[in-house]
C-alpha atoms as a PDB file:
ATOM      1  CA  MET A   1     -12.123 -20.756   0.792  1.00  0.00           C
ATOM      2  CA  LYS A   2     -10.927 -20.601  -2.797  1.00  0.00           C
ATOM      3  CA  VAL A   3      -7.300 -21.726  -3.134  1.00  0.00           C
ATOM      4  CA  ILE A   4      -5.226 -20.484  -6.078  1.00  0.00           C
ATOM      5  CA  LYS A   5      -1.841 -22.091  -6.678  1.00  0.00           C
ATOM      6  CA  THR A   6       0.860 -20.171  -8.520  1.00  0.00           C
ATOM      7  CA  LYS A   7       4.284 -21.167  -9.773  1.00  0.00           C
ATOM      8  CA  ASP A   8       6.280 -18.574  -7.861  1.00  0.00           C
ATOM      9  CA  TYR A   9       6.265 -15.343  -5.866  1.00  0.00           C
ATOM     10  CA  ALA A  10       6.015 -13.120  -8.939  1.00  0.00           C
ATOM     11  CA  GLU A  11       2.875 -14.868 -10.184  1.00  0.00           C
ATOM     12  CA  MET A  12       1.416 -14.851  -6.675  1.00  0.00           C
ATOM     13  CA  SER A  13       1.962 -11.080  -6.444  1.00  0.00           C
ATOM     14  CA  GLN A  14       0.317 -10.537  -9.820  1.00  0.00           C
ATOM     15  CA  LYS A  15      -2.706 -12.639  -8.841  1.00  0.00           C
ATOM     16  CA  ALA A  16      -3.021 -10.763  -5.530  1.00  0.00           C
ATOM     17  CA  PHE A  17      -2.931  -7.445  -7.385  1.00  0.00           C
ATOM     18  CA  GLY A  18      -5.627  -8.771  -9.709  1.00  0.00           C
ATOM     19  CA  VAL A  19      -7.961  -9.379  -6.763  1.00  0.00           C
ATOM     20  CA  LEU A  20      -7.380  -5.844  -5.473  1.00  0.00           C
ATOM     21  CA  LYS A  21      -7.808  -4.320  -8.933  1.00  0.00           C
ATOM     22  CA  ASP A  22     -11.094  -6.157  -9.488  1.00  0.00           C
ATOM     23  CA  VAL A  23     -12.515  -4.769  -6.240  1.00  0.00           C
ATOM     24  CA  LEU A  24     -11.512  -1.195  -7.105  1.00  0.00           C
ATOM     25  CA  GLU A  25     -12.854  -1.468 -10.649  1.00  0.00           C
ATOM     26  CA  GLN A  26     -16.204  -2.744  -9.405  1.00  0.00           C
ATOM     27  CA  LYS A  27     -16.465  -0.068  -6.691  1.00  0.00           C
ATOM     28  CA  LYS A  28     -14.397   3.096  -7.066  1.00  0.00           C
ATOM     29  CA  ASP A  29     -14.910   4.081  -3.394  1.00  0.00           C
ATOM     30  CA  ALA A  30     -14.044   0.627  -2.057  1.00  0.00           C
ATOM     31  CA  VAL A  31     -12.678   0.253   1.457  1.00  0.00           C
ATOM     32  CA  ILE A  32      -9.386  -1.647   1.397  1.00  0.00           C
ATOM     33  CA  ASN A  33      -7.789  -2.808   4.632  1.00  0.00           C
ATOM     34  CA  THR A  34      -4.304  -4.072   4.000  1.00  0.00           C
ATOM     35  CA  THR A  35      -1.287  -5.597   5.677  1.00  0.00           C
ATOM     36  CA  ILE A  36       2.413  -5.272   4.859  1.00  0.00           C
ATOM     37  CA  GLY A  37       5.443  -7.538   4.787  1.00  0.00           C
ATOM     38  CA  ALA A  38       7.489  -9.718   2.493  1.00  0.00           C
ATOM     39  CA  SER A  39       4.398 -11.523   1.212  1.00  0.00           C
ATOM     40  CA  TYR A  40       3.032  -8.272  -0.226  1.00  0.00           C
ATOM     41  CA  ASP A  41       6.137  -6.334  -1.273  1.00  0.00           C
ATOM     42  CA  GLY A  42       5.630  -7.546  -4.828  1.00  0.00           C
ATOM     43  CA  MET A  43       1.960  -6.588  -4.908  1.00  0.00           C
ATOM     44  CA  PHE A  44       2.726  -3.086  -3.645  1.00  0.00           C
ATOM     45  CA  GLU A  45       5.339  -2.634  -6.374  1.00  0.00           C
ATOM     46  CA  ILE A  46       2.767  -3.629  -9.012  1.00  0.00           C
ATOM     47  CA  MET A  47       0.203  -1.276  -7.457  1.00  0.00           C
ATOM     48  CA  ILE A  48       2.612   1.668  -7.532  1.00  0.00           C
ATOM     49  CA  LYS A  49       3.370   1.109 -11.211  1.00  0.00           C
ATOM     50  CA  ALA A  50      -0.327   0.724 -12.105  1.00  0.00           C
ATOM     51  CA  ILE A  51      -1.354   3.882 -10.225  1.00  0.00           C
ATOM     52  CA  ASN A  52       1.460   6.006 -11.641  1.00  0.00           C
ATOM     53  CA  GLU A  53       0.782   4.828 -15.179  1.00  0.00           C
ATOM     54  CA  GLY A  54      -2.953   5.524 -14.864  1.00  0.00           C
ATOM     55  CA  ALA A  55      -3.996   1.877 -15.031  1.00  0.00           C
ATOM     56  CA  LEU A  56      -5.493   1.912 -11.526  1.00  0.00           C
ATOM     57  CA  SER A  57      -7.407   4.675  -9.754  1.00  0.00           C
ATOM     58  CA  ILE A  58      -7.561   4.893  -5.959  1.00  0.00           C
ATOM     59  CA  LYS A  59      -8.578   8.563  -5.628  1.00  0.00           C
ATOM     60  CA  ASP A  60     -12.047   7.679  -4.310  1.00  0.00           C
ATOM     61  CA  ALA A  61     -10.970   4.685  -2.238  1.00  0.00           C
ATOM     62  CA  ILE A  62     -10.449   4.346   1.501  1.00  0.00           C
ATOM     63  CA  PHE A  63      -7.220   2.633   2.559  1.00  0.00           C
ATOM     64  CA  MET A  64      -6.721   1.295   6.068  1.00  0.00           C
ATOM     65  CA  ASN A  65      -4.300  -1.014   7.842  1.00  0.00           C
ATOM     66  CA  LEU A  66      -4.670  -4.183   9.818  1.00  0.00           C
ATOM     67  CA  ASP A  67      -2.353  -3.618  12.753  1.00  0.00           C
ATOM     68  CA  GLU A  68       0.550  -1.601  14.141  1.00  0.00           C
ATOM     69  CA  TYR A  69       3.501  -2.152  16.444  1.00  0.00           C
ATOM     70  CA  ILE A  70       3.683  -0.477  19.838  1.00  0.00           C
ATOM     71  CA  ALA A  71       6.525   1.920  19.043  1.00  0.00           C
ATOM     72  CA  GLU A  72       7.243   5.469  17.965  1.00  0.00           C
ATOM     73  CA  ARG A  73       5.723   5.992  14.520  1.00  0.00           C
ATOM     74  CA  ASN A  74       9.000   6.927  12.843  1.00  0.00           C
ATOM     75  CA  GLN A  75      10.729   3.665  13.758  1.00  0.00           C
ATOM     76  CA  SER A  76      11.967   1.836  10.641  1.00  0.00           C
ATOM     77  CA  PHE A  77       9.816  -1.249  11.284  1.00  0.00           C
ATOM     78  CA  THR A  78       6.388   0.322  11.833  1.00  0.00           C
ATOM     79  CA  ILE A  79       3.448  -0.190   9.507  1.00  0.00           C
ATOM     80  CA  TYR A  80       3.171   3.613   9.321  1.00  0.00           C
ATOM     81  CA  THR A  81       6.758   3.870   8.013  1.00  0.00           C
ATOM     82  CA  TYR A  82       6.207   1.083   5.491  1.00  0.00           C
ATOM     83  CA  MET A  83       2.976   2.523   4.112  1.00  0.00           C
ATOM     84  CA  TYR A  84       4.464   5.969   3.560  1.00  0.00           C
ATOM     85  CA  THR A  85       8.005   5.114   2.420  1.00  0.00           C
ATOM     86  CA  LYS A  86       7.037   2.117   0.276  1.00  0.00           C
ATOM     87  CA  PHE A  87       3.624   3.211  -0.987  1.00  0.00           C
ATOM     88  CA  TYR A  88       1.984   6.559  -0.251  1.00  0.00           C
ATOM     89  CA  ASN A  89       5.097   8.657  -0.926  1.00  0.00           C
ATOM     90  CA  LEU A  90       5.695   6.831  -4.215  1.00  0.00           C
ATOM     91  CA  ILE A  91       2.292   7.224  -5.873  1.00  0.00           C
ATOM     92  CA  SER A  92       0.969  10.111  -7.930  1.00  0.00           C
ATOM     93  CA  GLN A  93      -2.590   9.701  -6.640  1.00  0.00           C
ATOM     94  CA  LYS A  94      -3.543   9.262  -2.979  1.00  0.00           C
ATOM     95  CA  PRO A  95      -6.644   7.527  -1.605  1.00  0.00           C
ATOM     96  CA  LYS A  96      -9.524   9.737  -0.469  1.00  0.00           C
ATOM     97  CA  VAL A  97      -9.060   8.525   3.108  1.00  0.00           C
ATOM     98  CA  ILE A  98      -6.014   7.008   4.831  1.00  0.00           C
ATOM     99  CA  GLU A  99      -6.425   5.407   8.256  1.00  0.00           C
ATOM    100  CA  LEU A 100      -3.665   3.826  10.330  1.00  0.00           C
ATOM    101  CA  PHE A 101      -3.370   2.704  13.920  1.00  0.00           C
ATOM    102  CA  ASP A 102      -1.107   4.863  16.096  1.00  0.00           C
ATOM    103  CA  GLY A 103       0.959   2.605  18.326  1.00  0.00           C
ATOM    104  CA  SER A 104       2.965   5.489  19.762  1.00  0.00           C
ATOM    105  CA  ILE A 105       0.311   7.063  21.958  1.00  0.00           C
ATOM    106  CA  LYS A 106       0.050   6.377  25.680  1.00  0.00           C
ATOM    107  CA  GLN A 107      -3.722   5.960  25.793  1.00  0.00           C
ATOM    108  CA  LEU A 108      -3.900   2.690  23.888  1.00  0.00           C
ATOM    109  CA  GLN A 109      -7.463   1.916  24.954  1.00  0.00           C
ATOM    110  CA  ALA A 110      -8.583   5.226  23.456  1.00  0.00           C
ATOM    111  CA  GLU A 111      -6.813   4.287  20.210  1.00  0.00           C
ATOM    112  CA  ILE A 112      -8.543   0.900  20.225  1.00  0.00           C
ATOM    113  CA  GLU A 113     -11.918   2.596  20.614  1.00  0.00           C
ATOM    114  CA  ARG A 114     -11.076   5.092  17.869  1.00  0.00           C
ATOM    115  CA  TYR A 115     -10.208   2.340  15.428  1.00  0.00           C
ATOM    116  CA  ARG A 116     -13.358   0.406  16.259  1.00  0.00           C
ATOM    117  CA  GLN A 117     -15.272   3.523  15.205  1.00  0.00           C
ATOM    118  CA  VAL A 118     -13.213   3.703  11.988  1.00  0.00           C
ATOM    119  CA  LEU A 119     -14.188   0.109  11.176  1.00  0.00           C
ATOM    120  CA  ALA A 120     -17.843   0.919  11.830  1.00  0.00           C
ATOM    121  CA  GLN A 121     -17.675   4.030   9.624  1.00  0.00           C
ATOM    122  CA  TYR A 122     -15.973   2.235   6.732  1.00  0.00           C
ATOM    123  CA  PRO A 123     -17.269  -1.325   6.203  1.00  0.00           C
ATOM    124  CA  ARG A 124     -14.510  -3.191   4.397  1.00  0.00           C
ATOM    125  CA  ASP A 125     -14.855  -4.425   0.841  1.00  0.00           C
ATOM    126  CA  LEU A 126     -11.494  -6.204   0.909  1.00  0.00           C
ATOM    127  CA  GLN A 127      -9.411  -7.401   3.826  1.00  0.00           C
ATOM    128  CA  ILE A 128      -5.814  -8.241   2.840  1.00  0.00           C
ATOM    129  CA  LEU A 129      -3.959 -10.638   5.139  1.00  0.00           C
ATOM    130  CA  GLY A 130      -0.634 -12.375   5.501  1.00  0.00           C
ATOM    131  CA  LEU A 131      -0.142 -15.790   7.058  1.00  0.00           C
ATOM    132  CA  GLY A 132       2.224 -16.210  10.003  1.00  0.00           C
ATOM    133  CA  VAL A 133       4.544 -19.204  10.222  1.00  0.00           C
ATOM    134  CA  ASN A 134       2.463 -20.305  13.207  1.00  0.00           C
ATOM    135  CA  GLY A 135      -0.843 -19.733  11.427  1.00  0.00           C
ATOM    136  CA  HIS A 136      -1.537 -16.310  12.881  1.00  0.00           C
ATOM    137  CA  LEU A 137      -3.607 -13.625  11.152  1.00  0.00           C
ATOM    138  CA  ALA A 138      -2.656 -10.015  11.905  1.00  0.00           C
ATOM    139  CA  ALA A 139      -1.485 -10.217  15.540  1.00  0.00           C
ATOM    140  CA  ASN A 140      -4.020 -12.904  16.429  1.00  0.00           C
ATOM    141  CA  GLU A 141      -1.590 -15.551  17.661  1.00  0.00           C
ATOM    142  CA  PRO A 142      -2.477 -19.240  18.180  1.00  0.00           C
ATOM    143  CA  GLY A 143      -5.026 -19.579  20.972  1.00  0.00           C
ATOM    144  CA  THR A 144      -6.706 -16.228  20.306  1.00  0.00           C
ATOM    145  CA  SER A 145     -10.485 -16.459  20.446  1.00  0.00           C
ATOM    146  CA  PHE A 146     -12.328 -16.502  17.132  1.00  0.00           C
ATOM    147  CA  GLN A 147     -14.528 -13.815  18.756  1.00  0.00           C
ATOM    148  CA  SER A 148     -11.624 -11.364  19.262  1.00  0.00           C
ATOM    149  CA  ARG A 149     -12.107  -7.690  18.455  1.00  0.00           C
ATOM    150  CA  VAL A 150      -9.579  -4.835  18.109  1.00  0.00           C
ATOM    151  CA  PHE A 151      -7.120  -5.331  20.959  1.00  0.00           C
ATOM    152  CA  LEU A 152      -3.524  -5.070  22.193  1.00  0.00           C
ATOM    153  CA  ALA A 153      -1.730  -8.324  21.388  1.00  0.00           C
ATOM    154  CA  ASP A 154       1.501  -9.861  22.629  1.00  0.00           C
ATOM    155  CA  SER A 155       3.582 -11.375  19.820  1.00  0.00           C
ATOM    156  CA  ASP A 156       4.687 -15.004  19.903  1.00  0.00           C
ATOM    157  CA  GLU A 157       8.409 -15.649  19.637  1.00  0.00           C
ATOM    158  CA  SER A 158       8.073 -16.978  16.077  1.00  0.00           C
ATOM    159  CA  THR A 159       6.377 -13.713  15.075  1.00  0.00           C
ATOM    160  CA  ILE A 160       9.124 -11.658  16.720  1.00  0.00           C
ATOM    161  CA  GLN A 161      11.731 -13.711  14.874  1.00  0.00           C
ATOM    162  CA  SER A 162       9.915 -13.119  11.563  1.00  0.00           C
ATOM    163  CA  THR A 163       9.884  -9.379  12.227  1.00  0.00           C
ATOM    164  CA  MET A 164      13.609  -9.467  13.032  1.00  0.00           C
ATOM    165  CA  LEU A 165      14.317 -11.336   9.791  1.00  0.00           C
ATOM    166  CA  TYR A 166      12.211  -9.054   7.594  1.00  0.00           C
ATOM    167  CA  GLN A 167      13.255  -5.784   9.232  1.00  0.00           C
ATOM    168  CA  ASN A 168      16.901  -6.761   9.937  1.00  0.00           C
ATOM    169  CA  LEU A 169      16.546  -6.094  13.672  1.00  0.00           C
ATOM    170  CA  MET A 170      18.385  -7.356  16.714  1.00  0.00           C
ATOM    171  CA  ARG A 171      16.278  -9.133  19.360  1.00  0.00           C
ATOM    172  CA  GLU A 172      16.414  -6.154  21.725  1.00  0.00           C
ATOM    173  CA  GLU A 173      15.232  -3.833  18.917  1.00  0.00           C
ATOM    174  CA  ALA A 174      12.248  -5.937  17.869  1.00  0.00           C
ATOM    175  CA  PRO A 175       8.730  -4.896  18.926  1.00  0.00           C
ATOM    176  CA  THR A 176       6.779  -7.394  21.015  1.00  0.00           C
ATOM    177  CA  GLN A 177       3.247  -5.974  21.001  1.00  0.00           C
ATOM    178  CA  MET A 178       0.766  -4.805  18.380  1.00  0.00           C
ATOM    179  CA  LEU A 179      -2.603  -3.122  18.105  1.00  0.00           C
ATOM    180  CA  THR A 180      -4.596  -5.370  15.820  1.00  0.00           C
ATOM    181  CA  LEU A 181      -7.941  -6.184  14.322  1.00  0.00           C
ATOM    182  CA  GLY A 182      -9.460  -9.257  15.940  1.00  0.00           C
ATOM    183  CA  LEU A 183     -10.540 -12.372  14.106  1.00  0.00           C
ATOM    184  CA  ALA A 184     -14.212 -11.403  14.384  1.00  0.00           C
ATOM    185  CA  ASP A 185     -13.363  -8.029  12.801  1.00  0.00           C
ATOM    186  CA  ILE A 186     -11.513  -9.760   9.958  1.00  0.00           C
ATOM    187  CA  MET A 187     -14.477 -12.011   9.234  1.00  0.00           C
ATOM    188  CA  GLU A 188     -16.770  -9.000   8.754  1.00  0.00           C
ATOM    189  CA  SER A 189     -15.052  -7.929   5.529  1.00  0.00           C
ATOM    190  CA  LYS A 190     -17.038  -8.680   2.373  1.00  0.00           C
ATOM    191  CA  GLN A 191     -13.998 -10.333   0.779  1.00  0.00           C
ATOM    192  CA  VAL A 192     -10.734 -11.616   2.221  1.00  0.00           C
ATOM    193  CA  LEU A 193      -7.400 -12.120   0.455  1.00  0.00           C
ATOM    194  CA  LEU A 194      -4.678 -14.235   2.044  1.00  0.00           C
ATOM    195  CA  VAL A 195      -1.314 -15.067   0.464  1.00  0.00           C
ATOM    196  CA  ALA A 196       1.616 -17.260   1.444  1.00  0.00           C
ATOM    197  CA  SER A 197       4.975 -17.779  -0.216  1.00  0.00           C
ATOM    198  CA  GLY A 198       8.000 -19.971   0.420  1.00  0.00           C
ATOM    199  CA  GLU A 199       8.828 -23.143   2.296  1.00  0.00           C
ATOM    200  CA  ARG A 200       8.787 -21.304   5.651  1.00  0.00           C
ATOM    201  CA  LYS A 201       5.011 -21.029   5.309  1.00  0.00           C
ATOM    202  CA  ALA A 202       4.395 -24.595   4.088  1.00  0.00           C
ATOM    203  CA  GLN A 203       3.310 -26.064   7.433  1.00  0.00           C
ATOM    204  CA  ALA A 204       1.049 -23.099   8.178  1.00  0.00           C
ATOM    205  CA  VAL A 205      -0.508 -23.459   4.718  1.00  0.00           C
ATOM    206  CA  LYS A 206      -1.131 -27.160   5.287  1.00  0.00           C
ATOM    207  CA  ASP A 207      -2.673 -26.512   8.711  1.00  0.00           C
ATOM    208  CA  THR A 208      -4.846 -23.708   7.313  1.00  0.00           C
ATOM    209  CA  ILE A 209      -6.215 -25.716   4.391  1.00  0.00           C
ATOM    210  CA  GLU A 210      -6.164 -29.312   5.617  1.00  0.00           C
ATOM    211  CA  GLY A 211      -6.197 -29.110   9.417  1.00  0.00           C
ATOM    212  CA  PRO A 212      -9.202 -28.762  11.716  1.00  0.00           C
ATOM    213  CA  ILE A 213     -10.842 -25.352  12.089  1.00  0.00           C
ATOM    214  CA  ASP A 214      -9.354 -24.547  15.456  1.00  0.00           C
ATOM    215  CA  GLU A 215      -8.173 -21.500  17.429  1.00  0.00           C
ATOM    216  CA  ARG A 216      -4.734 -23.128  17.653  1.00  0.00           C
ATOM    217  CA  CYS A 217      -4.396 -22.130  13.976  1.00  0.00           C
ATOM    218  CA  PRO A 218      -6.189 -18.766  13.670  1.00  0.00           C
ATOM    219  CA  ALA A 219      -6.095 -18.744   9.851  1.00  0.00           C
ATOM    220  CA  THR A 220      -8.438 -21.753   9.722  1.00  0.00           C
ATOM    221  CA  ILE A 221     -11.320 -19.411  10.574  1.00  0.00           C
ATOM    222  CA  LEU A 222     -11.182 -18.171   6.969  1.00  0.00           C
ATOM    223  CA  ARG A 223     -12.566 -21.506   5.757  1.00  0.00           C
ATOM    224  CA  ALA A 224     -15.862 -20.313   7.234  1.00  0.00           C
ATOM    225  CA  HIS A 225     -15.776 -17.021   5.300  1.00  0.00           C
ATOM    226  CA  PRO A 226     -18.125 -16.909   2.278  1.00  0.00           C
ATOM    227  CA  ASN A 227     -15.654 -15.061   0.039  1.00  0.00           C
ATOM    228  CA  ALA A 228     -12.040 -15.839   0.990  1.00  0.00           C
ATOM    229  CA  ILE A 229      -9.250 -16.283  -1.559  1.00  0.00           C
ATOM    230  CA  PHE A 230      -5.969 -17.935  -0.558  1.00  0.00           C
ATOM    231  CA  ILE A 231      -3.105 -17.560  -3.050  1.00  0.00           C
ATOM    232  CA  ILE A 232      -0.028 -19.732  -2.525  1.00  0.00           C
ATOM    233  CA  ASP A 233       3.091 -20.458  -4.533  1.00  0.00           C
ATOM    234  CA  GLU A 234       4.507 -23.928  -5.131  1.00  0.00           C
ATOM    235  CA  ALA A 235       6.923 -23.775  -2.221  1.00  0.00           C
ATOM    236  CA  ALA A 236       4.219 -22.718   0.264  1.00  0.00           C
ATOM    237  CA  GLY A 237       1.938 -25.504  -0.962  1.00  0.00           C
ATOM    238  CA  SER A 238       4.613 -28.202  -0.936  1.00  0.00           C
ATOM    239  CA  LEU A 239       3.167 -30.090   2.060  1.00  0.00           C
ATOM    240  CA  LEU A 240      -0.430 -30.236   0.848  1.00  0.00           C
ATOM    241  CA  THR A 241      -1.776 -33.726   0.248  1.00  0.00           C
ATOM    242  CA  LYS A 242      -5.412 -33.124  -0.726  1.00  0.00           C
END
């Protein structure tokens, strides 16, 4: 795992965009599987500007997403809503293919099987990840097997609280389950990008980089990936000792 330290969130976002841009410049039909959230709001803003100004082309690329809440698609907090209101509806050029989980359908096992086929059809060039305060990746909470594949996950309380904070939700409004890529799926991407910002993530960053590779901290699996980049700002790296 390559660790890049940045001064602040703005620099972290710029560095993350640089990784994405490099992949798309090297392979115009790259498959990008991304996440959302506060850690990547800045990167998405940079992407929108670059696409609309002609500095970045995604017209031949395939864009996918990592996970999705079990909820109606038009809910304010869904990944579907984020990707369209904060990205796809704001860019002048759309990807060739857009794939998202659908957490609103009743036949969730059928949706899991469909997305497994999507992953098989489009081998990922870049997997973009966020780091949970408890060390989770996607909806792979602590204790999830490193061999996990696309599945329906129950969210830990800390994850629910993070969703409430980011989405400004009351506890009874917050989703508690997600369809998600498994850790084994994540490891199959040719390159992985992980970012973390702020003091809230400092312990998870320390555990990920300096702790044992253990299912109790899912993000530690990335230390076994041949091409993983972890970008952190000063606040997120404040507990590191090595």
